[in-house]
C-alpha atoms as a PDB file:
ATOM      1  CA  MET A   1      16.261  35.272  -0.251  1.00  0.00           C
ATOM      2  CA  PRO A   2      16.701  37.693  -3.162  1.00  0.00           C
ATOM      3  CA  THR A   3      13.711  38.887  -5.126  1.00  0.00           C
ATOM      4  CA  GLU A   4      13.401  38.937  -8.907  1.00  0.00           C
ATOM      5  CA  ALA A   5      13.820  42.736  -8.890  1.00  0.00           C
ATOM      6  CA  GLU A   6      17.090  42.462  -6.921  1.00  0.00           C
ATOM      7  CA  GLN A   7      18.716  39.660  -8.952  1.00  0.00           C
ATOM      8  CA  PRO A   8      16.840  39.001 -12.196  1.00  0.00           C
ATOM      9  CA  GLN A   9      19.515  36.566 -13.495  1.00  0.00           C
ATOM     10  CA  LEU A  10      18.407  34.053 -10.859  1.00  0.00           C
ATOM     11  CA  PHE A  11      14.904  34.092 -12.314  1.00  0.00           C
ATOM     12  CA  ASP A  12      15.845  33.819 -15.991  1.00  0.00           C
ATOM     13  CA  ALA A  13      14.359  30.487 -16.918  1.00  0.00           C
ATOM     14  CA  LEU A  14      15.235  28.518 -19.993  1.00  0.00           C
ATOM     15  CA  PRO A  15      12.365  28.408 -22.463  1.00  0.00           C
ATOM     16  CA  ALA A  16      10.304  25.259 -22.181  1.00  0.00           C
ATOM     17  CA  ILE A  17      10.533  23.037 -25.253  1.00  0.00           C
ATOM     18  CA  GLY A  18       7.570  20.888 -24.237  1.00  0.00           C
ATOM     19  CA  GLU A  19       5.391  19.537 -21.469  1.00  0.00           C
ATOM     20  CA  LEU A  20       5.424  16.314 -19.468  1.00  0.00           C
ATOM     21  CA  ARG A  21       2.143  15.112 -18.014  1.00  0.00           C
ATOM     22  CA  ILE A  22       2.144  12.407 -15.384  1.00  0.00           C
ATOM     23  CA  GLU A  23      -0.559  10.813 -13.233  1.00  0.00           C
ATOM     24  CA  VAL A  24      -0.014   8.568 -10.233  1.00  0.00           C
ATOM     25  CA  LEU A  25      -2.851   6.038 -10.412  1.00  0.00           C
ATOM     26  CA  GLU A  26      -2.196   3.211  -7.965  1.00  0.00           C
ATOM     27  CA  ALA A  27       0.376   0.951  -6.343  1.00  0.00           C
ATOM     28  CA  GLU A  28       0.373  -2.663  -5.232  1.00  0.00           C
ATOM     29  CA  ARG A  29       2.355  -5.123  -3.104  1.00  0.00           C
ATOM     30  CA  LEU A  30       3.845  -2.343  -0.988  1.00  0.00           C
ATOM     31  CA  PRO A  31       5.748  -3.528   2.082  1.00  0.00           C
ATOM     32  CA  LYS A  32       4.336  -3.078   5.574  1.00  0.00           C
ATOM     33  CA  MET A  33       5.777   0.190   6.832  1.00  0.00           C
ATOM     34  CA  ASP A  34       3.732   0.984   9.943  1.00  0.00           C
ATOM     35  CA  PRO A  35       4.026  -1.043  13.144  1.00  0.00           C
ATOM     36  CA  GLY A  36       0.946  -2.572  14.653  1.00  0.00           C
ATOM     37  CA  PRO A  37      -1.731  -5.082  13.798  1.00  0.00           C
ATOM     38  CA  PHE A  38      -2.969  -3.366  10.635  1.00  0.00           C
ATOM     39  CA  GLU A  39       0.029  -4.223   8.398  1.00  0.00           C
ATOM     40  CA  SER A  40      -0.472  -1.051   6.416  1.00  0.00           C
ATOM     41  CA  THR A  41       1.318   1.795   4.713  1.00  0.00           C
ATOM     42  CA  ASP A  42       0.425   5.482   4.373  1.00  0.00           C
ATOM     43  CA  ALA A  43       1.819   5.924   0.869  1.00  0.00           C
ATOM     44  CA  TYR A  44       2.276   9.085  -1.138  1.00  0.00           C
ATOM     45  CA  ALA A  45       4.213   9.800  -4.321  1.00  0.00           C
ATOM     46  CA  LEU A  46       6.981  12.355  -4.683  1.00  0.00           C
ATOM     47  CA  LEU A  47       7.853  13.362  -8.265  1.00  0.00           C
ATOM     48  CA  LEU A  48      11.081  15.146  -9.194  1.00  0.00           C
ATOM     49  CA  PHE A  49      11.646  16.450 -12.695  1.00  0.00           C
ATOM     50  CA  GLU A  50      14.335  18.923 -13.704  1.00  0.00           C
ATOM     51  CA  THR A  51      13.728  22.014 -11.537  1.00  0.00           C
ATOM     52  CA  ASN A  52      10.284  20.947 -10.264  1.00  0.00           C
ATOM     53  CA  ALA A  53       8.864  18.741  -7.559  1.00  0.00           C
ATOM     54  CA  ALA A  54       5.319  17.607  -6.804  1.00  0.00           C
ATOM     55  CA  ARG A  55       3.654  15.467  -4.127  1.00  0.00           C
ATOM     56  CA  SER A  56       0.457  13.454  -4.188  1.00  0.00           C
ATOM     57  CA  ASN A  57      -1.864  13.078  -1.243  1.00  0.00           C
ATOM     58  CA  ALA A  58      -1.231  10.190   1.150  1.00  0.00           C
ATOM     59  CA  CYS A  59      -3.485   7.137   0.935  1.00  0.00           C
ATOM     60  CA  ARG A  60      -3.900   6.000   4.522  1.00  0.00           C
ATOM     61  CA  ARG A  61      -3.669   2.465   5.917  1.00  0.00           C
ATOM     62  CA  THR A  62      -3.336   0.393   2.755  1.00  0.00           C
ATOM     63  CA  ARG A  63      -0.669  -1.599   0.960  1.00  0.00           C
ATOM     64  CA  ALA A  64      -2.499  -1.145  -2.364  1.00  0.00           C
ATOM     65  CA  PRO A  65      -3.243   2.597  -2.571  1.00  0.00           C
ATOM     66  CA  ARG A  66      -5.348   4.150  -5.310  1.00  0.00           C
ATOM     67  CA  TRP A  67      -5.262   7.832  -6.076  1.00  0.00           C
ATOM     68  CA  ARG A  68      -8.702   8.634  -7.453  1.00  0.00           C
ATOM     69  CA  ALA A  69      -9.419  11.575  -9.760  1.00  0.00           C
ATOM     70  CA  GLY A  70     -11.130  14.429  -7.951  1.00  0.00           C
ATOM     71  CA  GLU A  71     -10.412  12.995  -4.493  1.00  0.00           C
ATOM     72  CA  SER A  72      -6.675  13.579  -4.318  1.00  0.00           C
ATOM     73  CA  ALA A  73      -3.780  15.347  -6.004  1.00  0.00           C
ATOM     74  CA  ARG A  74      -2.486  12.822  -8.507  1.00  0.00           C
ATOM     75  CA  ALA A  75      -1.979  14.534 -11.893  1.00  0.00           C
ATOM     76  CA  PHE A  76       0.860  16.928 -12.654  1.00  0.00           C
ATOM     77  CA  ALA A  77       2.211  18.855 -15.652  1.00  0.00           C
ATOM     78  CA  PHE A  78       5.863  19.896 -15.840  1.00  0.00           C
ATOM     79  CA  PRO A  79       7.638  22.105 -18.390  1.00  0.00           C
ATOM     80  CA  VAL A  80      10.349  20.237 -20.303  1.00  0.00           C
ATOM     81  CA  LEU A  81      13.642  22.105 -20.574  1.00  0.00           C
ATOM     82  CA  CYS A  82      15.854  19.228 -21.701  1.00  0.00           C
ATOM     83  CA  PRO A  83      14.721  16.285 -23.888  1.00  0.00           C
ATOM     84  CA  TYR A  84      17.000  13.743 -22.188  1.00  0.00           C
ATOM     85  CA  SER A  85      16.024  14.400 -18.559  1.00  0.00           C
ATOM     86  CA  CYS A  86      14.715  11.782 -16.139  1.00  0.00           C
ATOM     87  CA  VAL A  87      11.575  11.734 -14.025  1.00  0.00           C
ATOM     88  CA  TYR A  88      12.126  10.341 -10.538  1.00  0.00           C
ATOM     89  CA  VAL A  89       9.044   8.900  -8.857  1.00  0.00           C
ATOM     90  CA  GLY A  90       9.463   7.954  -5.229  1.00  0.00           C
ATOM     91  CA  LEU A  91       6.876   6.342  -2.996  1.00  0.00           C
ATOM     92  CA  LYS A  92       7.163   7.264   0.657  1.00  0.00           C
ATOM     93  CA  ASP A  93       5.353   6.298   3.839  1.00  0.00           C
ATOM     94  CA  ALA A  94       3.901   9.284   5.704  1.00  0.00           C
ATOM     95  CA  ASP A  95       4.727   9.248   9.414  1.00  0.00           C
ATOM     96  CA  ASP A  96       3.164  11.688  11.856  1.00  0.00           C
ATOM     97  CA  PHE A  97       5.908  11.796  14.487  1.00  0.00           C
ATOM     98  CA  SER A  98       9.099  10.909  12.602  1.00  0.00           C
ATOM     99  CA  ALA A  99      10.743  11.308   9.205  1.00  0.00           C
ATOM    100  CA  ASP A 100       8.865   9.740   6.298  1.00  0.00           C
ATOM    101  CA  ASP A 101      10.198   6.343   5.216  1.00  0.00           C
ATOM    102  CA  ASP A 102      11.269   5.462   1.679  1.00  0.00           C
ATOM    103  CA  ILE A 103       9.272   2.652   0.085  1.00  0.00           C
ATOM    104  CA  GLY A 104      10.880   2.583  -3.348  1.00  0.00           C
ATOM    105  CA  ARG A 105      11.479   4.532  -6.520  1.00  0.00           C
ATOM    106  CA  ALA A 106      11.192   4.332 -10.278  1.00  0.00           C
ATOM    107  CA  VAL A 107      12.892   6.319 -13.021  1.00  0.00           C
ATOM    108  CA  ILE A 108      11.512   7.271 -16.432  1.00  0.00           C
ATOM    109  CA  GLU A 109      13.966   8.458 -19.075  1.00  0.00           C
ATOM    110  CA  LEU A 110      12.417  11.142 -21.259  1.00  0.00           C
ATOM    111  CA  GLY A 111      14.639  10.244 -24.206  1.00  0.00           C
ATOM    112  CA  SER A 112      13.007   6.821 -24.438  1.00  0.00           C
ATOM    113  CA  LEU A 113       9.485   8.264 -24.824  1.00  0.00           C
ATOM    114  CA  ARG A 114       7.735   8.902 -28.117  1.00  0.00           C
ATOM    115  CA  PRO A 115       6.070  12.317 -28.268  1.00  0.00           C
ATOM    116  CA  HIS A 116       2.244  12.387 -28.337  1.00  0.00           C
ATOM    117  CA  THR A 117       2.055   8.823 -26.963  1.00  0.00           C
ATOM    118  CA  VAL A 118       0.232   8.081 -23.711  1.00  0.00           C
ATOM    119  CA  TYR A 119       1.917   5.399 -21.602  1.00  0.00           C
ATOM    120  CA  ASP A 120      -0.092   3.582 -18.932  1.00  0.00           C
ATOM    121  CA  CYS A 121       2.098   1.041 -17.212  1.00  0.00           C
ATOM    122  CA  TRP A 122       3.267  -0.577 -14.012  1.00  0.00           C
ATOM    123  CA  LEU A 123       6.830   0.208 -12.968  1.00  0.00           C
ATOM    124  CA  PRO A 124       8.615  -1.940 -10.369  1.00  0.00           C
ATOM    125  CA  LEU A 125       9.843  -0.014  -7.358  1.00  0.00           C
ATOM    126  CA  GLN A 126      13.522  -0.183  -6.484  1.00  0.00           C
ATOM    127  CA  LYS A 127      14.977   0.379  -3.056  1.00  0.00           C
ATOM    128  CA  ARG A 128      18.533   0.985  -4.235  1.00  0.00           C
ATOM    129  CA  THR A 129      20.324   1.133  -7.593  1.00  0.00           C
ATOM    130  CA  PHE A 130      19.721  -2.565  -8.221  1.00  0.00           C
ATOM    131  CA  ARG A 131      16.321  -4.230  -8.353  1.00  0.00           C
ATOM    132  CA  PHE A 132      14.642  -6.396  -5.745  1.00  0.00           C
ATOM    133  CA  PRO A 133      12.042  -8.213  -7.876  1.00  0.00           C
ATOM    134  CA  GLY A 134       8.644  -8.162  -6.220  1.00  0.00           C
ATOM    135  CA  ARG A 135       9.868  -7.072  -2.797  1.00  0.00           C
ATOM    136  CA  GLN A 136       9.111  -3.355  -2.989  1.00  0.00           C
ATOM    137  CA  GLY A 137       5.932  -3.476  -5.039  1.00  0.00           C
ATOM    138  CA  ALA A 138       5.027  -1.525  -8.148  1.00  0.00           C
ATOM    139  CA  VAL A 139       3.427   1.778  -9.088  1.00  0.00           C
ATOM    140  CA  ARG A 140       1.061   2.407 -11.988  1.00  0.00           C
ATOM    141  CA  LEU A 141       1.604   5.657 -13.849  1.00  0.00           C
ATOM    142  CA  ARG A 142       0.067   7.310 -16.884  1.00  0.00           C
ATOM    143  CA  TYR A 143       2.376   9.746 -18.631  1.00  0.00           C
ATOM    144  CA  SER A 144       3.093  11.487 -21.922  1.00  0.00           C
ATOM    145  CA  VAL A 145       5.388  14.115 -23.353  1.00  0.00           C
ATOM    146  CA  VAL A 146       4.595  16.746 -25.969  1.00  0.00           C
ATOM    147  CA  TYR A 147       7.166  19.000 -27.623  1.00  0.00           C
ATOM    148  CA  HIS A 148       6.280  22.447 -28.946  1.00  0.00           C
ATOM    149  CA  SER A 149       8.516  21.870 -31.959  1.00  0.00           C
ATOM    150  CA  GLU A 150      10.621  18.972 -33.148  1.00  0.00           C
ATOM    151  CA  ARG A 151      13.305  21.436 -34.223  1.00  0.00           C
ATOM    152  CA  ALA A 152      13.676  22.857 -30.693  1.00  0.00           C
ATOM    153  CA  ARG A 153      13.906  19.343 -29.252  1.00  0.00           C
ATOM    154  CA  LEU A 154      16.636  18.316 -31.694  1.00  0.00           C
ATOM    155  CA  LEU A 155      18.591  21.530 -31.089  1.00  0.00           C
ATOM    156  CA  GLN A 156      18.533  20.805 -27.349  1.00  0.00           C
ATOM    157  CA  TYR A 157      20.012  17.359 -28.044  1.00  0.00           C
ATOM    158  CA  LEU A 158      22.730  18.908 -30.186  1.00  0.00           C
ATOM    159  CA  SER A 159      23.567  21.870 -27.930  1.00  0.00           C
ATOM    160  CA  PRO A 160      26.189  20.002 -25.809  1.00  0.00           C
ATOM    161  CA  LEU A 161      27.878  18.839 -29.033  1.00  0.00           C
ATOM    162  CA  LEU A 162      27.854  22.340 -30.500  1.00  0.00           C
ATOM    163  CA  VAL A 163      29.392  23.803 -27.345  1.00  0.00           C
ATOM    164  CA  ALA A 164      32.137  21.138 -27.364  1.00  0.00           C
ATOM    165  CA  HIS A 165      32.836  21.769 -31.069  1.00  0.00           C
ATOM    166  CA  VAL A 166      33.110  25.559 -30.577  1.00  0.00           C
ATOM    167  CA  ALA A 167      35.473  25.051 -27.606  1.00  0.00           C
ATOM    168  CA  GLN A 168      37.943  23.093 -29.776  1.00  0.00           C
END
């Protein structure tokens, strides 16, 4: 793996135009993922946003996990490089002796969010690209986006158009 001194171009990051804050609060109606008499799930959240990833702690043996402040990793802040990115939130079942199982996922489009607005909502979990209403449960998230400047955000939206115009 090269170091920053050896290949600095690999470490040149785009300047952040804002910040996304997201908290994983709770989930409900999760399917039974673990065999046995307990009918439980060891759920944790995996968040993917642009070039970053984060993972919450696993809530053991419950189909309605709650990530409590101070007790578990549940709140994350990500730099925003592109105003029309998507946040991918996946719930997984932690398994000790095999690969973790997928429970479901939700997607948040950054372009649909109003800056400086805090959203606290339940998102249905999908297993595939189409929805299974009520079968995979739901996750409650609290999230917001803040941009350092409205001008920088708008220029990021326009940059693909400007590149296409210059190429013609």
